[in-house]
Amino acid sequence: MAPIAIELRKALEFYHGTLEDLARELIRLLGVNETDRRALEIVLLGDGKSTTPGMLAEQLGLTAAGATIMLNRLEKQGYIARSLHPTDRRRVIVVATDLAARRVQDLIAPLVDEGYRTMLSRYDHTELELIAGFLTRVSELQQSHRQRLRDMDPYPRP
């Protein structure tokens, strides 16, 4: 392997590890588990009108029953609310509560702001475009990898 490939691999492994560490701390502070944290992230980043239990189940690799149990937990904690779709009363939409938005904002906004300031002070516009493109491609690749793993059967238990 070329030295740059080794360096890139180490950098990506370090980056993934730091993301997992950050997620673990958010889980601790919010009092949720990893699946619930990811669901909150999806709901908070969504448009608030189209997030459904089925969509969450699909994105998180859960069954319909698993998604319902997860949503019950988040609703009990005051982090999400379920309501009927405004135009299709047969559908349920999931929205983050003000409590969830405020807590995540309090925790994440300072980190994001610091990250942007740091990146903007260290890299020029061309470098930032390259970094953004790289992160987009890596994320697309990760989605592809996730789907490949999701399509596989689990190893049998010993």
Protein backbone atom coordinates (compact mmCIF):
# COMPACT_ATOMS: atom_id res chain seq x y z
CA MET A 1 0.00 0.00 0.00
CA ALA A 2 1.23 3.50 -0.81
CA PRO A 3 2.20 5.67 2.19
CA ILE A 4 -0.62 8.14 1.44
CA ALA A 5 -3.16 5.28 1.40
CA ILE A 6 -1.91 4.15 4.81
CA GLU A 7 -2.10 7.72 6.12
CA LEU A 8 -5.63 8.14 4.73
CA ARG A 9 -6.76 4.86 6.27
CA LYS A 10 -5.38 5.86 9.68
CA ALA A 11 -6.97 9.30 9.42
CA LEU A 12 -10.38 7.82 8.53
CA GLU A 13 -10.16 5.27 11.34
CA PHE A 14 -9.28 8.07 13.76
CA TYR A 15 -12.16 10.20 12.43
CA HIS A 16 -14.69 7.35 12.75
CA GLY A 17 -13.50 6.65 16.28
CA THR A 18 -13.87 10.27 17.32
CA LEU A 19 -17.40 10.38 15.86
CA GLU A 20 -18.33 7.30 17.86
CA ASP A 21 -16.86 8.84 21.01
CA LEU A 22 -18.83 12.04 20.43
CA ALA A 23 -22.03 10.07 19.84
CA ARG A 24 -21.44 8.12 23.06
CA GLU A 25 -21.19 11.36 25.03
CA LEU A 26 -24.39 12.70 23.46
CA ILE A 27 -26.11 9.44 24.37
CA ARG A 28 -24.95 9.82 27.95
CA LEU A 29 -26.06 13.45 28.22
CA LEU A 30 -29.44 12.93 26.54
CA GLY A 31 -30.15 9.67 28.39
CA VAL A 32 -30.91 7.67 25.24
CA ASN A 33 -29.40 4.70 23.43
CA GLU A 34 -27.59 4.82 20.06
CA THR A 35 -30.66 3.94 17.99
CA ASP A 36 -32.72 6.59 19.76
CA ARG A 37 -29.95 9.17 19.27
CA ARG A 38 -29.80 8.43 15.57
CA ALA A 39 -33.59 8.63 15.28
CA LEU A 40 -33.53 12.03 16.97
CA GLU A 41 -30.84 13.15 14.56
CA ILE A 42 -32.94 12.06 11.57
CA VAL A 43 -36.08 13.75 12.91
CA LEU A 44 -34.27 16.96 13.83
CA LEU A 45 -32.54 17.20 10.45
CA GLY A 46 -35.72 16.36 8.52
CA ASP A 47 -38.31 18.80 7.34
CA GLY A 48 -40.75 17.87 10.13
CA LYS A 49 -43.52 16.98 7.71
CA SER A 50 -42.36 13.75 6.11
CA THR A 51 -40.65 11.78 8.87
CA THR A 52 -42.78 8.72 9.49
CA PRO A 53 -42.32 5.68 11.71
CA GLY A 54 -41.87 3.57 8.56
CA MET A 55 -39.16 5.84 7.20
CA LEU A 56 -37.33 5.74 10.53
CA ALA A 57 -37.61 1.95 10.62
CA GLU A 58 -36.13 1.72 7.12
CA GLN A 59 -33.25 4.10 7.81
CA LEU A 60 -32.41 2.47 11.14
CA GLY A 61 -32.87 -1.12 10.00
CA LEU A 62 -35.70 -1.74 12.46
CA THR A 63 -38.91 -3.69 12.17
CA ALA A 64 -42.19 -1.78 12.47
CA ALA A 65 -42.55 -3.11 16.02
CA GLY A 66 -38.99 -2.07 16.87
CA ALA A 67 -39.63 1.44 15.56
CA THR A 68 -42.81 1.69 17.64
CA ILE A 69 -40.95 0.64 20.80
CA MET A 70 -38.20 3.18 20.06
CA LEU A 71 -40.72 5.97 19.43
CA ASN A 72 -42.54 5.08 22.66
CA ARG A 73 -39.27 5.51 24.57
CA LEU A 74 -38.50 8.85 22.92
CA GLU A 75 -42.05 10.08 23.45
CA LYS A 76 -41.93 9.10 27.13
CA GLN A 77 -38.72 11.14 27.51
CA GLY A 78 -40.40 14.12 25.88
CA TYR A 79 -38.13 14.12 22.82
CA ILE A 80 -40.64 13.36 20.04
CA ALA A 81 -44.34 13.70 19.37
CA ARG A 82 -46.47 11.78 16.91
CA SER A 83 -49.37 13.36 15.09
CA LEU A 84 -51.57 12.69 12.12
CA HIS A 85 -50.31 13.88 8.76
CA PRO A 86 -52.01 17.20 7.90
CA THR A 87 -53.36 16.02 4.53
CA ASP A 88 -53.45 12.22 4.90
CA ARG A 89 -55.05 11.40 8.24
CA ARG A 90 -54.10 7.73 7.84
CA ARG A 91 -50.40 8.55 8.14
CA VAL A 92 -48.49 9.43 11.28
CA ILE A 93 -45.63 11.88 11.29
CA VAL A 94 -42.89 12.11 13.90
CA VAL A 95 -41.61 15.50 15.03
CA ALA A 96 -38.99 16.51 17.55
CA THR A 97 -40.25 18.44 20.54
CA ASP A 98 -38.93 21.82 21.60
CA LEU A 99 -37.18 20.03 24.48
CA ALA A 100 -35.24 17.79 22.08
CA ALA A 101 -34.39 20.68 19.77
CA ARG A 102 -33.23 22.86 22.65
CA ARG A 103 -31.09 20.17 24.29
CA VAL A 104 -29.43 19.13 21.05
CA GLN A 105 -28.92 22.77 20.07
CA ASP A 106 -27.33 23.52 23.46
CA LEU A 107 -24.97 20.56 23.10
CA ILE A 108 -24.13 20.66 19.39
CA ALA A 109 -24.28 24.30 18.25
CA PRO A 110 -21.12 25.39 20.11
CA LEU A 111 -19.22 22.40 18.71
CA VAL A 112 -20.40 23.03 15.15
CA ASP A 113 -19.62 26.74 15.41
CA GLU A 114 -16.12 26.00 16.69
CA GLY A 115 -15.62 23.43 13.93
CA TYR A 116 -16.62 25.89 11.21
CA ARG A 117 -14.38 28.63 12.63
CA THR A 118 -11.45 26.22 12.85
CA MET A 119 -11.91 24.86 9.32
CA LEU A 120 -12.42 28.31 7.79
CA SER A 121 -9.28 29.62 9.49
CA ARG A 122 -7.09 26.72 8.35
CA TYR A 123 -8.19 26.09 4.77
CA ASP A 124 -8.88 28.26 1.74
CA HIS A 125 -12.00 28.06 -0.41
CA THR A 126 -10.53 25.56 -2.89
CA GLU A 127 -9.34 23.26 -0.10
CA LEU A 128 -12.74 23.45 1.62
CA GLU A 129 -14.46 22.48 -1.65
CA LEU A 130 -12.15 19.47 -1.93
CA ILE A 131 -12.79 18.49 1.70
CA ALA A 132 -16.57 18.85 1.25
CA GLY A 133 -16.44 16.70 -1.89
CA PHE A 134 -14.34 14.09 -0.14
CA LEU A 135 -16.69 13.92 2.86
CA THR A 136 -19.69 13.63 0.54
CA ARG A 137 -18.10 10.74 -1.40
CA VAL A 138 -17.04 8.99 1.81
CA SER A 139 -20.58 9.32 3.18
CA GLU A 140 -22.05 7.89 -0.02
CA LEU A 141 -19.62 5.01 0.19
CA GLN A 142 -20.58 4.42 3.84
CA GLN A 143 -24.26 4.28 2.85
CA SER A 144 -23.40 1.73 0.19
CA HIS A 145 -21.42 -0.31 2.70
CA ARG A 146 -24.26 -0.13 5.22
CA GLN A 147 -26.70 -1.47 2.65
CA ARG A 148 -24.34 -4.28 1.70
CA LEU A 149 -24.05 -5.30 5.38
CA ARG A 150 -27.80 -4.92 5.90
CA ASP A 151 -28.43 -7.35 3.02
CA MET A 152 -26.27 -10.04 4.66
CA ASP A 153 -27.52 -12.66 7.10
CA PRO A 154 -26.04 -12.47 10.59
CA TYR A 155 -23.43 -15.00 11.61
CA PRO A 156 -24.95 -17.97 13.44
CA ARG A 157 -24.53 -17.95 17.19
CA PRO A 158 -21.97 -20.43 18.52
